Amino acid sequence: MSEQFDCNGNLLYKISTKLAASSYGENELMSLIQSLYIRQPPLSPEDEPEWFEYKIKETNMFTVDKYQQIGFFPKEKAFALRYQTAGMLETALRKGVLGEDDIGEEFPRNLKLPSRRPSLVCENCLCSLEQDARVRAFHIMDPKGVLDMLLVFLEERGSGVIPHPSFDDSKDLDRITPHLGTWKGRSVTKRSGVYGATIAEADTVAILEMNENGQLVQDIRCTSDGSDVTTSVHWTGSISNNLVTFNGGFQFTLLPGGMYMGCPSDVAKSVQESKSFHLELCWLESPGKRQRLVRTYDVEGLAVSSTYYLETRQ
């Protein structure tokens, strides 16, 4: 199952998808073959469901390392990738909503196709801690460096229906409250690359709360292993519906099921001002535990590291 959201966290479309993956070769010669299956809109209520197959370009250890700048956490079963185009995502949206025979002349209301020349497309993937399932979330930035849309895939291994409430937003009117509180945990930071070295491991404390003026206040403290030095980040922001905007130019889009996706309000501005920036996926799968994956980019917009967090509420 996949869902398309706008930058304010509003659901645009929900599409049924399946992903088939296989590999051949060993070690450095291993290649990954993937096909995305997209359920077609039925022509009539009596029709049996049909699935369109989209073959994703074959990936090997060289291409995923050099071109997609992977951030890989094998133990935690998490990864981050960059894409140069949004072709696969456009196909998923177009075929899933319009059908295989669409010629692209008319679009249903609310459907939004990504730019053919996005400034940045980033995929973050987190695996469930409770079942054999995962979330793959895509940030898609428009050519000007502003968030264009978010696309989230919730997938379970096998062919059954996912018995998971993450995409059921009928009881999800208050999306910020589950994230409030004090979260303590550990982080692992790795350089980009299949064999990216571990740069640092640290103890972390993240506090998100609402002050008496109705503002959101976030404090993050990090103490690296082997060091007595603690670094701190303090942000103050405001919330409007499902969009949290911090004074430092960073924003959270709150999504159903305990998820949020974070990014700069304007990536192009960060690059122009020679500032590094990051993209974030948070998945609060149960009330007391959450995972976060943060992808860090340098001043030229190249992915340099990824950080995985596992945190529990205090």
C-alpha atoms as a PDB file:
ATOM      1  CA  MET A   1       0.000   0.000   0.000  1.00  0.00           C
ATOM      2  CA  SER A   2       1.252   3.493  -0.795  1.00  0.00           C
ATOM      3  CA  GLU A   3      -0.107   6.930  -0.010  1.00  0.00           C
ATOM      4  CA  GLN A   4       0.622  10.332  -1.495  1.00  0.00           C
ATOM      5  CA  PHE A   5       0.590  13.398   0.780  1.00  0.00           C
ATOM      6  CA  ASP A   6       1.092  17.075   0.119  1.00  0.00           C
ATOM      7  CA  CYS A   7       3.584  19.112   2.156  1.00  0.00           C
ATOM      8  CA  ASN A   8       0.867  19.861   4.745  1.00  0.00           C
ATOM      9  CA  GLY A   9       0.208  16.183   5.448  1.00  0.00           C
ATOM     10  CA  ASN A  10      -3.092  16.047   3.569  1.00  0.00           C
ATOM     11  CA  LEU A  11      -3.823  12.709   1.917  1.00  0.00           C
ATOM     12  CA  LEU A  12      -4.048  13.038  -1.859  1.00  0.00           C
ATOM     13  CA  TYR A  13      -4.269   9.434  -3.025  1.00  0.00           C
ATOM     14  CA  LYS A  14      -4.018   5.877  -1.760  1.00  0.00           C
ATOM     15  CA  ILE A  15      -2.718   3.205  -4.146  1.00  0.00           C
ATOM     16  CA  SER A  16      -2.422  -0.577  -3.777  1.00  0.00           C
ATOM     17  CA  THR A  17       1.108  -1.756  -4.596  1.00  0.00           C
ATOM     18  CA  LYS A  18       3.287  -4.849  -4.265  1.00  0.00           C
ATOM     19  CA  LEU A  19       7.056  -5.095  -4.614  1.00  0.00           C
ATOM     20  CA  ALA A  20       8.822  -8.273  -5.754  1.00  0.00           C
ATOM     21  CA  ALA A  21      12.583  -8.500  -5.229  1.00  0.00           C
ATOM     22  CA  SER A  22      15.203 -11.126  -6.040  1.00  0.00           C
ATOM     23  CA  SER A  23      18.969 -11.189  -6.361  1.00  0.00           C
ATOM     24  CA  TYR A  24      21.745 -13.088  -8.070  1.00  0.00           C
ATOM     25  CA  GLY A  25      25.508 -13.175  -7.644  1.00  0.00           C
ATOM     26  CA  GLU A  26      27.524 -12.920  -4.450  1.00  0.00           C
ATOM     27  CA  ASN A  27      29.366 -10.251  -2.491  1.00  0.00           C
ATOM     28  CA  GLU A  28      30.533  -7.363  -4.725  1.00  0.00           C
ATOM     29  CA  LEU A  29      28.966  -9.034  -7.785  1.00  0.00           C
ATOM     30  CA  MET A  30      25.474  -9.215  -6.283  1.00  0.00           C
ATOM     31  CA  SER A  31      22.649  -7.572  -8.257  1.00  0.00           C
ATOM     32  CA  LEU A  32      19.094  -6.762  -7.170  1.00  0.00           C
ATOM     33  CA  ILE A  33      16.096  -7.190  -9.479  1.00  0.00           C
ATOM     34  CA  GLN A  34      12.832  -5.493  -8.458  1.00  0.00           C
ATOM     35  CA  SER A  35       9.353  -5.182  -9.942  1.00  0.00           C
ATOM     36  CA  LEU A  36       6.683  -2.843  -8.624  1.00  0.00           C
ATOM     37  CA  TYR A  37       3.116  -4.107  -9.136  1.00  0.00           C
ATOM     38  CA  ILE A  38       0.393  -1.454  -9.158  1.00  0.00           C
ATOM     39  CA  ARG A  39      -3.267  -2.351  -8.871  1.00  0.00           C
ATOM     40  CA  GLN A  40      -5.241  -0.972 -11.796  1.00  0.00           C
ATOM     41  CA  PRO A  41      -8.465   1.022 -11.417  1.00  0.00           C
ATOM     42  CA  PRO A  42     -11.334  -1.380 -12.287  1.00  0.00           C
ATOM     43  CA  LEU A  43     -13.403  -0.603 -15.357  1.00  0.00           C
ATOM     44  CA  SER A  44     -16.487  -1.932 -13.587  1.00  0.00           C
ATOM     45  CA  PRO A  45     -17.327  -3.274 -10.097  1.00  0.00           C
ATOM     46  CA  GLU A  46     -17.538  -6.810 -11.483  1.00  0.00           C
ATOM     47  CA  ASP A  47     -13.986  -6.844 -12.863  1.00  0.00           C
ATOM     48  CA  GLU A  48     -11.263  -8.899 -11.212  1.00  0.00           C
ATOM     49  CA  PRO A  49      -8.340  -6.788  -9.967  1.00  0.00           C
ATOM     50  CA  GLU A  50      -5.463  -6.453 -12.430  1.00  0.00           C
ATOM     51  CA  TRP A  51      -1.895  -5.452 -11.645  1.00  0.00           C
ATOM     52  CA  PHE A  52       0.466  -3.412 -13.822  1.00  0.00           C
ATOM     53  CA  GLU A  53       4.121  -4.478 -13.588  1.00  0.00           C
ATOM     54  CA  TYR A  54       6.829  -1.824 -13.578  1.00  0.00           C
ATOM     55  CA  LYS A  55      10.356  -3.204 -13.768  1.00  0.00           C
ATOM     56  CA  ILE A  56      12.688  -1.094 -11.652  1.00  0.00           C
ATOM     57  CA  LYS A  57      16.152  -0.612 -13.102  1.00  0.00           C
ATOM     58  CA  GLU A  58      18.507  -3.362 -11.952  1.00  0.00           C
ATOM     59  CA  THR A  59      20.757  -2.327  -9.093  1.00  0.00           C
ATOM     60  CA  ASN A  60      24.166  -3.689  -8.174  1.00  0.00           C
ATOM     61  CA  MET A  61      26.735  -2.906  -5.512  1.00  0.00           C
ATOM     62  CA  PHE A  62      28.473  -0.381  -7.774  1.00  0.00           C
ATOM     63  CA  THR A  63      25.427   1.649  -8.808  1.00  0.00           C
ATOM     64  CA  VAL A  64      23.861   1.739  -5.344  1.00  0.00           C
ATOM     65  CA  ASP A  65      27.168   2.952  -3.906  1.00  0.00           C
ATOM     66  CA  LYS A  66      28.181   5.528  -6.515  1.00  0.00           C
ATOM     67  CA  TYR A  67      24.929   6.887  -7.893  1.00  0.00           C
ATOM     68  CA  GLN A  68      22.419   6.374  -5.094  1.00  0.00           C
ATOM     69  CA  GLN A  69      24.821   7.202  -2.250  1.00  0.00           C
ATOM     70  CA  ILE A  70      23.281   4.574   0.009  1.00  0.00           C
ATOM     71  CA  GLY A  71      23.299   4.882   3.773  1.00  0.00           C
ATOM     72  CA  PHE A  72      23.100   1.268   4.971  1.00  0.00           C
ATOM     73  CA  PHE A  73      22.417  -0.188   8.430  1.00  0.00           C
ATOM     74  CA  PRO A  74      22.324  -3.998   8.020  1.00  0.00           C
ATOM     75  CA  LYS A  75      21.819  -4.771  11.719  1.00  0.00           C
ATOM     76  CA  GLU A  76      18.957  -2.283  12.070  1.00  0.00           C
ATOM     77  CA  LYS A  77      17.537  -3.183   8.616  1.00  0.00           C
ATOM     78  CA  ALA A  78      17.416   0.461   7.593  1.00  0.00           C
ATOM     79  CA  PHE A  79      18.700   2.328   4.567  1.00  0.00           C
ATOM     80  CA  ALA A  80      18.585   5.672   2.765  1.00  0.00           C
ATOM     81  CA  LEU A  81      18.957   6.257  -0.985  1.00  0.00           C
ATOM     82  CA  ARG A  82      19.050   9.197  -3.367  1.00  0.00           C
ATOM     83  CA  TYR A  83      17.480   9.245  -6.820  1.00  0.00           C
ATOM     84  CA  GLN A  84      18.257  11.401  -9.843  1.00  0.00           C
ATOM     85  CA  THR A  85      14.722  11.147 -11.226  1.00  0.00           C
ATOM     86  CA  ALA A  86      11.219  10.520  -9.931  1.00  0.00           C
ATOM     87  CA  GLY A  87      10.322   8.197 -12.808  1.00  0.00           C
ATOM     88  CA  MET A  88       9.290   5.183 -10.732  1.00  0.00           C
ATOM     89  CA  LEU A  89       7.184   7.332  -8.414  1.00  0.00           C
ATOM     90  CA  GLU A  90       5.452   9.044 -11.315  1.00  0.00           C
ATOM     91  CA  THR A  91       4.647   5.654 -12.820  1.00  0.00           C
ATOM     92  CA  ALA A  92       3.208   4.419  -9.525  1.00  0.00           C
ATOM     93  CA  LEU A  93       0.936   7.447  -9.294  1.00  0.00           C
ATOM     94  CA  ARG A  94      -0.042   7.546 -12.949  1.00  0.00           C
ATOM     95  CA  LYS A  95      -0.681   3.819 -13.377  1.00  0.00           C
ATOM     96  CA  GLY A  96      -2.248   3.400  -9.964  1.00  0.00           C
ATOM     97  CA  VAL A  97      -4.816   6.133 -10.438  1.00  0.00           C
ATOM     98  CA  LEU A  98      -5.269   6.570 -14.167  1.00  0.00           C
ATOM     99  CA  GLY A  99      -4.788   3.032 -15.405  1.00  0.00           C
ATOM    100  CA  GLU A 100      -2.386   1.376 -17.825  1.00  0.00           C
ATOM    101  CA  ASP A 101      -3.902   2.917 -20.963  1.00  0.00           C
ATOM    102  CA  ASP A 102      -3.689   6.514 -19.785  1.00  0.00           C
ATOM    103  CA  ILE A 103      -2.071   8.952 -22.223  1.00  0.00           C
ATOM    104  CA  GLY A 104      -1.578  11.661 -19.623  1.00  0.00           C
ATOM    105  CA  GLU A 105      -4.002  14.264 -20.943  1.00  0.00           C
ATOM    106  CA  GLU A 106      -6.305  14.471 -17.929  1.00  0.00           C
ATOM    107  CA  PHE A 107      -5.650  13.918 -14.235  1.00  0.00           C
ATOM    108  CA  PRO A 108      -8.156  13.095 -11.508  1.00  0.00           C
ATOM    109  CA  ARG A 109      -8.761  15.773  -8.940  1.00  0.00           C
ATOM    110  CA  ASN A 110      -6.001  16.082  -6.287  1.00  0.00           C
ATOM    111  CA  LEU A 111      -3.579  13.769  -8.098  1.00  0.00           C
ATOM    112  CA  LYS A 112      -0.156  15.378  -8.290  1.00  0.00           C
ATOM    113  CA  LEU A 113       2.667  14.020 -10.407  1.00  0.00           C
ATOM    114  CA  PRO A 114       6.245  14.831  -9.377  1.00  0.00           C
ATOM    115  CA  SER A 115       8.386  17.152 -11.440  1.00  0.00           C
ATOM    116  CA  ARG A 116      10.366  15.409 -14.155  1.00  0.00           C
ATOM    117  CA  ARG A 117      13.412  17.345 -12.955  1.00  0.00           C
ATOM    118  CA  PRO A 118      13.250  17.280  -9.152  1.00  0.00           C
ATOM    119  CA  SER A 119      16.091  18.913  -7.264  1.00  0.00           C
ATOM    120  CA  LEU A 120      16.206  16.022  -4.795  1.00  0.00           C
ATOM    121  CA  VAL A 121      14.504  12.647  -4.307  1.00  0.00           C
ATOM    122  CA  CYS A 122      15.389  10.767  -1.121  1.00  0.00           C
ATOM    123  CA  GLU A 123      14.103   7.400   0.113  1.00  0.00           C
ATOM    124  CA  ASN A 124      14.352   6.421   3.783  1.00  0.00           C
ATOM    125  CA  CYS A 125      13.415   2.902   4.864  1.00  0.00           C
ATOM    126  CA  LEU A 126      12.701   1.628   8.397  1.00  0.00           C
ATOM    127  CA  CYS A 127      11.707  -1.932   9.265  1.00  0.00           C
ATOM    128  CA  SER A 128       9.056  -2.706  11.855  1.00  0.00           C
ATOM    129  CA  LEU A 129      10.223  -3.744  15.313  1.00  0.00           C
ATOM    130  CA  GLU A 130       7.043  -5.768  15.848  1.00  0.00           C
ATOM    131  CA  GLN A 131       6.301  -7.599  12.599  1.00  0.00           C
ATOM    132  CA  ASP A 132       7.771  -8.482   9.216  1.00  0.00           C
ATOM    133  CA  ALA A 133       6.925  -5.139   7.628  1.00  0.00           C
ATOM    134  CA  ARG A 134       8.598  -1.883   6.675  1.00  0.00           C
ATOM    135  CA  VAL A 135       8.010   1.743   5.736  1.00  0.00           C
ATOM    136  CA  ARG A 136       9.668   3.335   2.699  1.00  0.00           C
ATOM    137  CA  ALA A 137       9.186   7.093   2.598  1.00  0.00           C
ATOM    138  CA  PHE A 138      10.140   9.480  -0.211  1.00  0.00           C
ATOM    139  CA  HIS A 139      10.884  13.192   0.058  1.00  0.00           C
ATOM    140  CA  ILE A 140      10.439  14.805  -3.370  1.00  0.00           C
ATOM    141  CA  MET A 141      11.710  18.370  -3.753  1.00  0.00           C
ATOM    142  CA  ASP A 142      10.686  20.497  -6.732  1.00  0.00           C
ATOM    143  CA  PRO A 143      13.256  22.149  -9.066  1.00  0.00           C
ATOM    144  CA  LYS A 144      13.388  25.180  -6.750  1.00  0.00           C
ATOM    145  CA  GLY A 145      14.300  23.082  -3.707  1.00  0.00           C
ATOM    146  CA  VAL A 146      10.910  23.276  -1.968  1.00  0.00           C
ATOM    147  CA  LEU A 147       9.031  20.176  -0.770  1.00  0.00           C
ATOM    148  CA  ASP A 148       6.774  19.021  -3.598  1.00  0.00           C
ATOM    149  CA  MET A 149       5.168  15.903  -2.112  1.00  0.00           C
ATOM    150  CA  LEU A 150       5.663  12.929   0.188  1.00  0.00           C
ATOM    151  CA  LEU A 151       5.090   9.333  -0.840  1.00  0.00           C
ATOM    152  CA  VAL A 152       4.932   6.539   1.749  1.00  0.00           C
ATOM    153  CA  PHE A 153       4.920   2.786   1.074  1.00  0.00           C
ATOM    154  CA  LEU A 154       3.832   0.450   3.881  1.00  0.00           C
ATOM    155  CA  GLU A 155       4.857  -3.089   2.941  1.00  0.00           C
ATOM    156  CA  GLU A 156       4.639  -6.510   4.582  1.00  0.00           C
ATOM    157  CA  ARG A 157       6.619  -9.530   3.436  1.00  0.00           C
ATOM    158  CA  GLY A 158       4.321 -12.045   1.760  1.00  0.00           C
ATOM    159  CA  SER A 159       1.019 -11.624  -0.033  1.00  0.00           C
ATOM    160  CA  GLY A 160      -1.387 -11.013   2.830  1.00  0.00           C
ATOM    161  CA  VAL A 161      -3.166  -7.813   3.800  1.00  0.00           C
ATOM    162  CA  ILE A 162      -1.208  -5.674   6.244  1.00  0.00           C
ATOM    163  CA  PRO A 163      -2.999  -5.686   9.631  1.00  0.00           C
ATOM    164  CA  HIS A 164      -1.398  -2.417  10.647  1.00  0.00           C
ATOM    165  CA  PRO A 165      -3.095   0.843  11.655  1.00  0.00           C
ATOM    166  CA  SER A 166      -0.445   3.182  10.262  1.00  0.00           C
ATOM    167  CA  PHE A 167      -2.480   4.251   7.242  1.00  0.00           C
ATOM    168  CA  ASP A 168      -5.817   4.360   9.020  1.00  0.00           C
ATOM    169  CA  ASP A 169      -6.197   8.072   9.731  1.00  0.00           C
ATOM    170  CA  SER A 170      -9.857   7.912  10.768  1.00  0.00           C
ATOM    171  CA  LYS A 171      -8.817   8.208  14.438  1.00  0.00           C
ATOM    172  CA  ASP A 172      -5.690  10.215  13.753  1.00  0.00           C
ATOM    173  CA  LEU A 173      -6.927  13.774  14.116  1.00  0.00           C
ATOM    174  CA  ASP A 174      -4.267  14.720  16.691  1.00  0.00           C
ATOM    175  CA  ARG A 175      -0.953  13.757  15.133  1.00  0.00           C
ATOM    176  CA  ILE A 176       1.405  15.785  17.335  1.00  0.00           C
ATOM    177  CA  THR A 177       0.541  14.430  20.809  1.00  0.00           C
ATOM    178  CA  PRO A 178       2.122  10.963  20.303  1.00  0.00           C
ATOM    179  CA  HIS A 179       5.476  12.663  19.624  1.00  0.00           C
ATOM    180  CA  LEU A 180       5.463  14.913  22.696  1.00  0.00           C
ATOM    181  CA  GLY A 181       7.623  13.970  25.664  1.00  0.00           C
ATOM    182  CA  THR A 182      11.179  12.941  26.462  1.00  0.00           C
ATOM    183  CA  TRP A 183      12.830  10.302  24.287  1.00  0.00           C
ATOM    184  CA  LYS A 184      16.107   8.608  25.219  1.00  0.00           C
ATOM    185  CA  GLY A 185      18.096   6.218  23.091  1.00  0.00           C
ATOM    186  CA  ARG A 186      21.128   5.457  20.972  1.00  0.00           C
ATOM    187  CA  SER A 187      22.264   6.662  17.580  1.00  0.00           C
ATOM    188  CA  VAL A 188      24.633   5.243  14.971  1.00  0.00           C
ATOM    189  CA  THR A 189      26.078   7.483  12.256  1.00  0.00           C
ATOM    190  CA  LYS A 190      27.652   6.041   9.114  1.00  0.00           C
ATOM    191  CA  ARG A 191      29.278   7.515   6.063  1.00  0.00           C
ATOM    192  CA  SER A 192      27.457   7.072   2.771  1.00  0.00           C
ATOM    193  CA  GLY A 193      28.313   3.889   0.893  1.00  0.00           C
ATOM    194  CA  VAL A 194      27.619   0.152   0.990  1.00  0.00           C
ATOM    195  CA  TYR A 195      30.602  -0.302   3.279  1.00  0.00           C
ATOM    196  CA  GLY A 196      30.297   3.120   4.904  1.00  0.00           C
ATOM    197  CA  ALA A 197      32.348   3.297   8.075  1.00  0.00           C
ATOM    198  CA  THR A 198      30.704   4.062  11.396  1.00  0.00           C
ATOM    199  CA  ILE A 199      31.591   7.647  12.254  1.00  0.00           C
ATOM    200  CA  ALA A 200      30.051   7.828  15.710  1.00  0.00           C
ATOM    201  CA  GLU A 201      27.754   6.158  18.209  1.00  0.00           C
ATOM    202  CA  ALA A 202      26.085   8.229  20.880  1.00  0.00           C
ATOM    203  CA  ASP A 203      23.569   8.480  23.704  1.00  0.00           C
ATOM    204  CA  THR A 204      20.725  10.800  22.756  1.00  0.00           C
ATOM    205  CA  VAL A 205      17.942  12.684  24.506  1.00  0.00           C
ATOM    206  CA  ALA A 206      15.209  14.396  22.495  1.00  0.00           C
ATOM    207  CA  ILE A 207      12.536  16.517  24.166  1.00  0.00           C
ATOM    208  CA  LEU A 208       9.519  17.870  22.314  1.00  0.00           C
ATOM    209  CA  GLU A 209       6.954  19.834  24.286  1.00  0.00           C
ATOM    210  CA  MET A 210       4.410  22.623  24.048  1.00  0.00           C
ATOM    211  CA  ASN A 211       5.166  25.719  26.141  1.00  0.00           C
ATOM    212  CA  GLU A 212       2.692  28.051  27.836  1.00  0.00           C
ATOM    213  CA  ASN A 213       2.567  30.259  24.725  1.00  0.00           C
ATOM    214  CA  GLY A 214       1.418  27.405  22.519  1.00  0.00           C
ATOM    215  CA  GLN A 215       4.806  27.088  20.816  1.00  0.00           C
ATOM    216  CA  LEU A 216       6.574  23.814  20.159  1.00  0.00           C
ATOM    217  CA  VAL A 217      10.003  23.554  21.765  1.00  0.00           C
ATOM    218  CA  GLN A 218      12.486  20.865  20.773  1.00  0.00           C
ATOM    219  CA  ASP A 219      15.768  20.176  22.566  1.00  0.00           C
ATOM    220  CA  ILE A 220      18.140  17.479  21.337  1.00  0.00           C
ATOM    221  CA  ARG A 221      21.254  16.456  23.276  1.00  0.00           C
ATOM    222  CA  CYS A 222      23.875  14.036  22.012  1.00  0.00           C
ATOM    223  CA  THR A 223      26.879  12.601  23.884  1.00  0.00           C
ATOM    224  CA  SER A 224      29.274  10.602  21.707  1.00  0.00           C
ATOM    225  CA  ASP A 225      30.913   7.444  23.019  1.00  0.00           C
ATOM    226  CA  GLY A 226      34.354   8.089  24.449  1.00  0.00           C
ATOM    227  CA  SER A 227      33.658  11.779  24.967  1.00  0.00           C
ATOM    228  CA  ASP A 228      32.358  13.885  27.821  1.00  0.00           C
ATOM    229  CA  VAL A 229      31.240  16.607  25.416  1.00  0.00           C
ATOM    230  CA  THR A 230      27.491  16.961  24.866  1.00  0.00           C
ATOM    231  CA  THR A 231      26.171  18.850  21.847  1.00  0.00           C
ATOM    232  CA  SER A 232      22.758  20.502  22.055  1.00  0.00           C
ATOM    233  CA  VAL A 233      20.266  21.814  19.522  1.00  0.00           C
ATOM    234  CA  HIS A 234      17.359  24.045  20.556  1.00  0.00           C
ATOM    235  CA  TRP A 235      14.479  24.863  18.219  1.00  0.00           C
ATOM    236  CA  THR A 236      11.262  26.799  18.738  1.00  0.00           C
ATOM    237  CA  GLY A 237       8.406  26.499  16.301  1.00  0.00           C
ATOM    238  CA  SER A 238       4.703  26.630  15.628  1.00  0.00           C
ATOM    239  CA  ILE A 239       2.154  24.124  14.387  1.00  0.00           C
ATOM    240  CA  SER A 240      -0.567  24.693  11.816  1.00  0.00           C
ATOM    241  CA  ASN A 241      -2.765  21.664  11.215  1.00  0.00           C
ATOM    242  CA  ASN A 242      -0.217  18.941  10.369  1.00  0.00           C
ATOM    243  CA  LEU A 243       2.758  21.174   9.541  1.00  0.00           C
ATOM    244  CA  VAL A 244       5.340  22.089  12.191  1.00  0.00           C
ATOM    245  CA  THR A 245       7.636  24.980  11.234  1.00  0.00           C
ATOM    246  CA  PHE A 246      10.731  25.740  13.310  1.00  0.00           C
ATOM    247  CA  ASN A 247      12.540  29.074  13.436  1.00  0.00           C
ATOM    248  CA  GLY A 248      15.714  27.526  12.060  1.00  0.00           C
ATOM    249  CA  GLY A 249      14.104  26.893   8.678  1.00  0.00           C
ATOM    250  CA  PHE A 250      13.229  23.235   9.303  1.00  0.00           C
ATOM    251  CA  GLN A 251       9.770  21.679   9.114  1.00  0.00           C
ATOM    252  CA  PHE A 252       7.950  18.487  10.123  1.00  0.00           C
ATOM    253  CA  THR A 253       5.022  17.118   8.165  1.00  0.00           C
ATOM    254  CA  LEU A 254       2.913  15.008  10.530  1.00  0.00           C
ATOM    255  CA  LEU A 255       1.480  11.873   8.904  1.00  0.00           C
ATOM    256  CA  PRO A 256      -0.965   9.177  10.064  1.00  0.00           C
ATOM    257  CA  GLY A 257       0.151   6.284  12.235  1.00  0.00           C
ATOM    258  CA  GLY A 258       2.818   8.030  14.312  1.00  0.00           C
ATOM    259  CA  MET A 259       4.985   9.113  11.391  1.00  0.00           C
ATOM    260  CA  TYR A 260       6.512  12.433  10.518  1.00  0.00           C
ATOM    261  CA  MET A 261       8.879  13.501   7.764  1.00  0.00           C
ATOM    262  CA  GLY A 262      11.219  16.440   8.224  1.00  0.00           C
ATOM    263  CA  CYS A 263      13.131  18.606   5.764  1.00  0.00           C
ATOM    264  CA  PRO A 264      14.361  22.183   5.277  1.00  0.00           C
ATOM    265  CA  SER A 265      11.698  24.671   4.284  1.00  0.00           C
ATOM    266  CA  ASP A 266      13.937  25.654   1.345  1.00  0.00           C
ATOM    267  CA  VAL A 267      16.814  23.374   0.298  1.00  0.00           C
ATOM    268  CA  ALA A 268      18.018  25.834  -2.358  1.00  0.00           C
ATOM    269  CA  LYS A 269      18.432  28.526   0.291  1.00  0.00           C
ATOM    270  CA  SER A 270      20.526  26.174   2.440  1.00  0.00           C
ATOM    271  CA  VAL A 271      22.816  25.437  -0.507  1.00  0.00           C
ATOM    272  CA  GLN A 272      23.083  29.127  -1.455  1.00  0.00           C
ATOM    273  CA  GLU A 273      24.062  29.981   2.119  1.00  0.00           C
ATOM    274  CA  SER A 274      26.613  27.114   2.193  1.00  0.00           C
ATOM    275  CA  LYS A 275      24.740  25.328   4.960  1.00  0.00           C
ATOM    276  CA  SER A 276      24.491  21.573   5.359  1.00  0.00           C
ATOM    277  CA  PHE A 277      20.974  20.189   5.768  1.00  0.00           C
ATOM    278  CA  HIS A 278      19.173  16.956   6.568  1.00  0.00           C
ATOM    279  CA  LEU A 279      16.018  14.970   5.798  1.00  0.00           C
ATOM    280  CA  GLU A 280      14.316  12.873   8.455  1.00  0.00           C
ATOM    281  CA  LEU A 281      11.827  10.017   8.778  1.00  0.00           C
ATOM    282  CA  CYS A 282      10.350   9.162  12.183  1.00  0.00           C
ATOM    283  CA  TRP A 283       8.150   6.120  12.821  1.00  0.00           C
ATOM    284  CA  LEU A 284       6.503   5.800  16.215  1.00  0.00           C
ATOM    285  CA  GLU A 285       5.174   2.289  15.740  1.00  0.00           C
ATOM    286  CA  SER A 286       4.082   1.848  19.373  1.00  0.00           C
ATOM    287  CA  PRO A 287       3.360   4.484  22.048  1.00  0.00           C
ATOM    288  CA  GLY A 288       6.657   4.013  23.882  1.00  0.00           C
ATOM    289  CA  LYS A 289       9.203   3.331  21.152  1.00  0.00           C
ATOM    290  CA  ARG A 290      10.224   4.997  17.915  1.00  0.00           C
ATOM    291  CA  GLN A 291      12.833   4.830  15.160  1.00  0.00           C
ATOM    292  CA  ARG A 292      14.298   7.761  13.258  1.00  0.00           C
ATOM    293  CA  LEU A 293      16.503   7.881  10.179  1.00  0.00           C
ATOM    294  CA  VAL A 294      18.285  11.136   9.349  1.00  0.00           C
ATOM    295  CA  ARG A 295      20.038  11.737   6.030  1.00  0.00           C
ATOM    296  CA  THR A 296      22.654  14.532   6.118  1.00  0.00           C
ATOM    297  CA  TYR A 297      23.772  16.507   3.049  1.00  0.00           C
ATOM    298  CA  ASP A 298      26.802  18.767   2.688  1.00  0.00           C
ATOM    299  CA  VAL A 299      26.852  22.373   1.454  1.00  0.00           C
ATOM    300  CA  GLU A 300      26.855  21.151  -2.168  1.00  0.00           C
ATOM    301  CA  GLY A 301      23.769  19.006  -1.687  1.00  0.00           C
ATOM    302  CA  LEU A 302      25.588  15.648  -1.650  1.00  0.00           C
ATOM    303  CA  ALA A 303      24.649  12.960   0.873  1.00  0.00           C
ATOM    304  CA  VAL A 304      27.564  12.451   3.249  1.00  0.00           C
ATOM    305  CA  SER A 305      26.147  10.442   6.158  1.00  0.00           C
ATOM    306  CA  SER A 306      23.065   8.802   7.646  1.00  0.00           C
ATOM    307  CA  THR A 307      22.102   8.413  11.304  1.00  0.00           C
ATOM    308  CA  TYR A 308      19.801   5.766  12.764  1.00  0.00           C
ATOM    309  CA  TYR A 309      18.069   6.394  16.127  1.00  0.00           C
ATOM    310  CA  LEU A 310      16.230   3.944  18.374  1.00  0.00           C
ATOM    311  CA  GLU A 311      14.514   5.749  21.254  1.00  0.00           C
ATOM    312  CA  THR A 312      12.081   5.002  24.082  1.00  0.00           C
ATOM    313  CA  ARG A 313       9.736   7.392  25.842  1.00  0.00           C
ATOM    314  CA  GLN A 314      10.657   8.221  29.438  1.00  0.00           C
END
